[in-house]
PDB file of N, CA and C in Angstrom:
ATOM      1  N   UNK A   1       0.378  18.280  -4.826  1.00  0.00           N
ATOM      2  CA  UNK A   1       0.960  16.972  -5.071  1.00  0.00           C
ATOM      3  C   UNK A   1      -0.107  15.890  -5.210  1.00  0.00           C
ATOM      4  N   UNK A   2      -1.242  16.090  -4.626  1.00  0.00           N
ATOM      5  CA  UNK A   2      -2.280  15.072  -4.678  1.00  0.00           C
ATOM      6  C   UNK A   2      -2.722  14.797  -6.114  1.00  0.00           C
ATOM      7  N   UNK A   3      -2.879  15.868  -6.911  1.00  0.00           N
ATOM      8  CA  UNK A   3      -3.245  15.689  -8.316  1.00  0.00           C
ATOM      9  C   UNK A   3      -2.169  14.932  -9.067  1.00  0.00           C
ATOM     10  N   UNK A   4      -0.941  15.276  -8.796  1.00  0.00           N
ATOM     11  CA  UNK A   4       0.174  14.623  -9.460  1.00  0.00           C
ATOM     12  C   UNK A   4       0.138  13.116  -9.203  1.00  0.00           C
ATOM     13  N   UNK A   5      -0.166  12.707  -7.992  1.00  0.00           N
ATOM     14  CA  UNK A   5      -0.245  11.292  -7.654  1.00  0.00           C
ATOM     15  C   UNK A   5      -1.288  10.602  -8.531  1.00  0.00           C
ATOM     16  N   UNK A   6      -2.410  11.243  -8.716  1.00  0.00           N
ATOM     17  CA  UNK A   6      -3.475  10.679  -9.537  1.00  0.00           C
ATOM     18  C   UNK A   6      -3.009  10.478 -10.977  1.00  0.00           C
ATOM     19  N   UNK A   7      -2.335  11.462 -11.531  1.00  0.00           N
ATOM     20  CA  UNK A   7      -1.860  11.361 -12.913  1.00  0.00           C
ATOM     21  C   UNK A   7      -0.770  10.301 -13.062  1.00  0.00           C
ATOM     22  N   UNK A   8       0.140  10.230 -12.109  1.00  0.00           N
ATOM     23  CA  UNK A   8       1.206   9.225 -12.170  1.00  0.00           C
ATOM     24  C   UNK A   8       0.627   7.819 -12.099  1.00  0.00           C
ATOM     25  N   UNK A   9      -0.284   7.599 -11.179  1.00  0.00           N
ATOM     26  CA  UNK A   9      -0.922   6.284 -11.052  1.00  0.00           C
ATOM     27  C   UNK A   9      -1.691   5.940 -12.321  1.00  0.00           C
ATOM     28  N   UNK A  10      -2.375   6.918 -12.862  1.00  0.00           N
ATOM     29  CA  UNK A  10      -3.156   6.711 -14.083  1.00  0.00           C
ATOM     30  C   UNK A  10      -2.246   6.320 -15.254  1.00  0.00           C
ATOM     31  N   UNK A  11      -1.107   6.983 -15.384  1.00  0.00           N
ATOM     32  CA  UNK A  11      -0.152   6.640 -16.443  1.00  0.00           C
ATOM     33  C   UNK A  11       0.329   5.202 -16.290  1.00  0.00           C
ATOM     34  N   UNK A  12       0.730   4.840 -15.085  1.00  0.00           N
ATOM     35  CA  UNK A  12       1.249   3.491 -14.845  1.00  0.00           C
ATOM     36  C   UNK A  12       0.201   2.433 -15.172  1.00  0.00           C
ATOM     37  N   UNK A  13      -1.011   2.658 -14.793  1.00  0.00           N
ATOM     38  CA  UNK A  13      -2.091   1.693 -15.053  1.00  0.00           C
ATOM     39  C   UNK A  13      -2.432   1.651 -16.537  1.00  0.00           C
ATOM     40  N   UNK A  14      -2.558   2.801 -17.151  1.00  0.00           N
ATOM     41  CA  UNK A  14      -2.974   2.875 -18.554  1.00  0.00           C
ATOM     42  C   UNK A  14      -1.944   2.331 -19.523  1.00  0.00           C
ATOM     43  N   UNK A  15      -0.698   2.684 -19.326  1.00  0.00           N
ATOM     44  CA  UNK A  15       0.326   2.338 -20.302  1.00  0.00           C
ATOM     45  C   UNK A  15       0.973   0.978 -20.060  1.00  0.00           C
ATOM     46  N   UNK A  16       0.941   0.484 -18.850  1.00  0.00           N
ATOM     47  CA  UNK A  16       1.619  -0.781 -18.533  1.00  0.00           C
ATOM     48  C   UNK A  16       1.054  -1.956 -19.328  1.00  0.00           C
ATOM     49  N   UNK A  17      -0.241  -2.001 -19.552  1.00  0.00           N
ATOM     50  CA  UNK A  17      -0.826  -3.127 -20.261  1.00  0.00           C
ATOM     51  C   UNK A  17      -1.433  -2.756 -21.594  1.00  0.00           C
ATOM     52  N   UNK A  18      -0.986  -1.675 -22.167  1.00  0.00           N
ATOM     53  CA  UNK A  18      -1.574  -1.169 -23.398  1.00  0.00           C
ATOM     54  C   UNK A  18      -1.392  -2.127 -24.572  1.00  0.00           C
ATOM     55  N   UNK A  19      -0.200  -2.666 -24.729  1.00  0.00           N
ATOM     56  CA  UNK A  19       0.082  -3.582 -25.838  1.00  0.00           C
ATOM     57  C   UNK A  19       1.268  -4.459 -25.438  1.00  0.00           C
ATOM     58  N   UNK A  20       1.262  -5.751 -25.809  1.00  0.00           N
ATOM     59  CA  UNK A  20       2.354  -6.645 -25.410  1.00  0.00           C
ATOM     60  C   UNK A  20       3.736  -6.215 -25.902  1.00  0.00           C
ATOM     61  N   UNK A  21       3.794  -5.509 -27.004  1.00  0.00           N
ATOM     62  CA  UNK A  21       5.088  -5.085 -27.543  1.00  0.00           C
ATOM     63  C   UNK A  21       5.475  -3.667 -27.120  1.00  0.00           C
ATOM     64  N   UNK A  22       4.683  -3.059 -26.270  1.00  0.00           N
ATOM     65  CA  UNK A  22       4.955  -1.706 -25.801  1.00  0.00           C
ATOM     66  C   UNK A  22       5.448  -1.763 -24.360  1.00  0.00           C
ATOM     67  N   UNK A  23       6.611  -1.203 -24.112  1.00  0.00           N
ATOM     68  CA  UNK A  23       7.189  -1.197 -22.771  1.00  0.00           C
ATOM     69  C   UNK A  23       7.107   0.216 -22.203  1.00  0.00           C
ATOM     70  N   UNK A  24       6.527   0.334 -21.036  1.00  0.00           N
ATOM     71  CA  UNK A  24       6.399   1.602 -20.319  1.00  0.00           C
ATOM     72  C   UNK A  24       7.366   1.548 -19.146  1.00  0.00           C
ATOM     73  N   UNK A  25       8.210   2.574 -19.013  1.00  0.00           N
ATOM     74  CA  UNK A  25       9.199   2.594 -17.937  1.00  0.00           C
ATOM     75  C   UNK A  25       9.338   4.015 -17.411  1.00  0.00           C
ATOM     76  N   UNK A  26       9.415   4.111 -16.121  1.00  0.00           N
ATOM     77  CA  UNK A  26       9.585   5.418 -15.496  1.00  0.00           C
ATOM     78  C   UNK A  26      10.621   5.279 -14.379  1.00  0.00           C
ATOM     79  N   UNK A  27      11.542   6.253 -14.282  1.00  0.00           N
ATOM     80  CA  UNK A  27      12.534   6.205 -13.213  1.00  0.00           C
ATOM     81  C   UNK A  27      12.307   7.266 -12.148  1.00  0.00           C
ATOM     82  N   UNK A  28      11.656   8.363 -12.511  1.00  0.00           N
ATOM     83  CA  UNK A  28      11.428   9.445 -11.542  1.00  0.00           C
ATOM     84  C   UNK A  28      10.017   9.997 -11.672  1.00  0.00           C
ATOM     85  N   UNK A  29       9.453  10.387 -10.538  1.00  0.00           N
ATOM     86  CA  UNK A  29       8.171  11.086 -10.545  1.00  0.00           C
ATOM     87  C   UNK A  29       8.179  12.142  -9.440  1.00  0.00           C
ATOM     88  N   UNK A  30       7.424  13.187  -9.659  1.00  0.00           N
ATOM     89  CA  UNK A  30       7.263  14.201  -8.618  1.00  0.00           C
ATOM     90  C   UNK A  30       6.531  13.582  -7.425  1.00  0.00           C
ATOM     91  N   UNK A  31       5.631  12.692  -7.714  1.00  0.00           N
ATOM     92  CA  UNK A  31       4.841  12.029  -6.674  1.00  0.00           C
ATOM     93  C   UNK A  31       5.725  11.288  -5.670  1.00  0.00           C
ATOM     94  N   UNK A  32       6.829  10.723  -6.163  1.00  0.00           N
ATOM     95  CA  UNK A  32       7.717   9.954  -5.290  1.00  0.00           C
ATOM     96  C   UNK A  32       8.814  10.818  -4.665  1.00  0.00           C
ATOM     97  N   UNK A  33       8.682  12.120  -4.825  1.00  0.00           N
ATOM     98  CA  UNK A  33       9.617  13.024  -4.176  1.00  0.00           C
ATOM     99  C   UNK A  33      10.811  13.443  -5.009  1.00  0.00           C
ATOM    100  N   UNK A  34      10.834  13.031  -6.269  1.00  0.00           N
ATOM    101  CA  UNK A  34      11.929  13.443  -7.138  1.00  0.00           C
ATOM    102  C   UNK A  34      11.723  14.884  -7.592  1.00  0.00           C
ATOM    103  N   UNK A  35      12.784  15.503  -8.086  1.00  0.00           N
ATOM    104  CA  UNK A  35      12.701  16.898  -8.508  1.00  0.00           C
ATOM    105  C   UNK A  35      12.136  17.062  -9.915  1.00  0.00           C
ATOM    106  N   UNK A  36      11.937  15.952 -10.625  1.00  0.00           N
ATOM    107  CA  UNK A  36      11.349  15.979 -11.966  1.00  0.00           C
ATOM    108  C   UNK A  36      10.753  14.607 -12.264  1.00  0.00           C
ATOM    109  N   UNK A  37      10.096  14.509 -13.397  1.00  0.00           N
ATOM    110  CA  UNK A  37       9.551  13.220 -13.812  1.00  0.00           C
ATOM    111  C   UNK A  37      10.096  12.864 -15.174  1.00  0.00           C
ATOM    112  N   UNK A  38      10.145  11.573 -15.442  1.00  0.00           N
ATOM    113  CA  UNK A  38      10.544  11.118 -16.763  1.00  0.00           C
ATOM    114  C   UNK A  38       9.805   9.818 -17.068  1.00  0.00           C
ATOM    115  N   UNK A  39       9.809   9.468 -18.295  1.00  0.00           N
ATOM    116  CA  UNK A  39       9.222   8.200 -18.693  1.00  0.00           C
ATOM    117  C   UNK A  39       9.777   7.800 -20.044  1.00  0.00           C
ATOM    118  N   UNK A  40       9.652   6.524 -20.335  1.00  0.00           N
ATOM    119  CA  UNK A  40      10.095   6.002 -21.611  1.00  0.00           C
ATOM    120  C   UNK A  40       9.030   5.023 -22.101  1.00  0.00           C
ATOM    121  N   UNK A  41       8.663   5.173 -23.339  1.00  0.00           N
ATOM    122  CA  UNK A  41       7.723   4.266 -23.964  1.00  0.00           C
ATOM    123  C   UNK A  41       8.391   3.783 -25.244  1.00  0.00           C
ATOM    124  N   UNK A  42       8.590   2.473 -25.351  1.00  0.00           N
ATOM    125  CA  UNK A  42       9.253   1.947 -26.533  1.00  0.00           C
ATOM    126  C   UNK A  42       8.614   0.639 -26.967  1.00  0.00           C
ATOM    127  N   UNK A  43       8.829   0.303 -28.208  1.00  0.00           N
ATOM    128  CA  UNK A  43       8.313  -0.959 -28.714  1.00  0.00           C
ATOM    129  C   UNK A  43       9.427  -1.999 -28.711  1.00  0.00           C
ATOM    130  N   UNK A  44       9.030  -3.221 -28.452  1.00  0.00           N
ATOM    131  CA  UNK A  44       9.972  -4.326 -28.432  1.00  0.00           C
ATOM    132  C   UNK A  44       9.827  -5.081 -29.740  1.00  0.00           C
ATOM    133  N   UNK A  45      10.932  -5.252 -30.428  1.00  0.00           N
ATOM    134  CA  UNK A  45      10.916  -5.975 -31.698  1.00  0.00           C
ATOM    135  C   UNK A  45      11.309  -7.419 -31.460  1.00  0.00           C
ATOM    136  N   UNK A  46      10.676  -8.267 -32.204  1.00  0.00           N
ATOM    137  CA  UNK A  46      11.011  -9.677 -32.139  1.00  0.00           C
ATOM    138  C   UNK A  46      12.370  -9.883 -32.809  1.00  0.00           C
ATOM    139  N   UNK A  47      13.256 -10.647 -32.151  1.00  0.00           N
ATOM    140  CA  UNK A  47      14.577 -10.890 -32.702  1.00  0.00           C
ATOM    141  C   UNK A  47      14.464 -11.821 -33.911  1.00  0.00           C
ATOM    142  N   UNK A  48      15.100 -11.437 -35.002  1.00  0.00           N
ATOM    143  CA  UNK A  48      15.048 -12.250 -36.221  1.00  0.00           C
ATOM    144  C   UNK A  48      16.146 -13.307 -36.201  1.00  0.00           C
ATOM    145  N   UNK A  49      15.801 -14.461 -36.717  1.00  0.00           N
ATOM    146  CA  UNK A  49      16.785 -15.537 -36.884  1.00  0.00           C
ATOM    147  C   UNK A  49      17.336 -15.465 -38.305  1.00  0.00           C
ATOM    148  N   UNK A  50      18.595 -15.808 -38.459  1.00  0.00           N
ATOM    149  CA  UNK A  50      19.131 -15.891 -39.835  1.00  0.00           C
ATOM    150  C   UNK A  50      18.362 -16.946 -40.636  1.00  0.00           C
ATOM    151  N   UNK A  51      18.211 -16.752 -41.923  1.00  0.00           N
ATOM    152  CA  UNK A  51      17.422 -17.648 -42.770  1.00  0.00           C
ATOM    153  C   UNK A  51      17.929 -19.083 -42.773  1.00  0.00           C
ATOM    154  N   UNK A  52      19.231 -19.276 -42.668  1.00  0.00           N
ATOM    155  CA  UNK A  52      19.776 -20.629 -42.737  1.00  0.00           C
ATOM    156  C   UNK A  52      19.792 -21.325 -41.374  1.00  0.00           C
ATOM    157  N   UNK A  53      19.301 -20.683 -40.338  1.00  0.00           N
ATOM    158  CA  UNK A  53      19.262 -21.281 -39.009  1.00  0.00           C
ATOM    159  C   UNK A  53      17.934 -21.997 -38.806  1.00  0.00           C
ATOM    160  N   UNK A  54      17.944 -23.169 -38.248  1.00  0.00           N
ATOM    161  CA  UNK A  54      16.714 -23.951 -38.053  1.00  0.00           C
ATOM    162  C   UNK A  54      15.966 -23.527 -36.829  1.00  0.00           C
TER     163      UNK A  54
END
């Protein structure tokens, strides 16, 4: 488990500030005692305004 802790911490540090439009999210890790790990990495798009809106 000790190695797993290192990798989980490394992921959180590396991906959290990678890019302003990139969101890193994790709900489970083996390190925290869960039976599996998961993660989500997605990009955030800027919301578009309609052309006729000021």
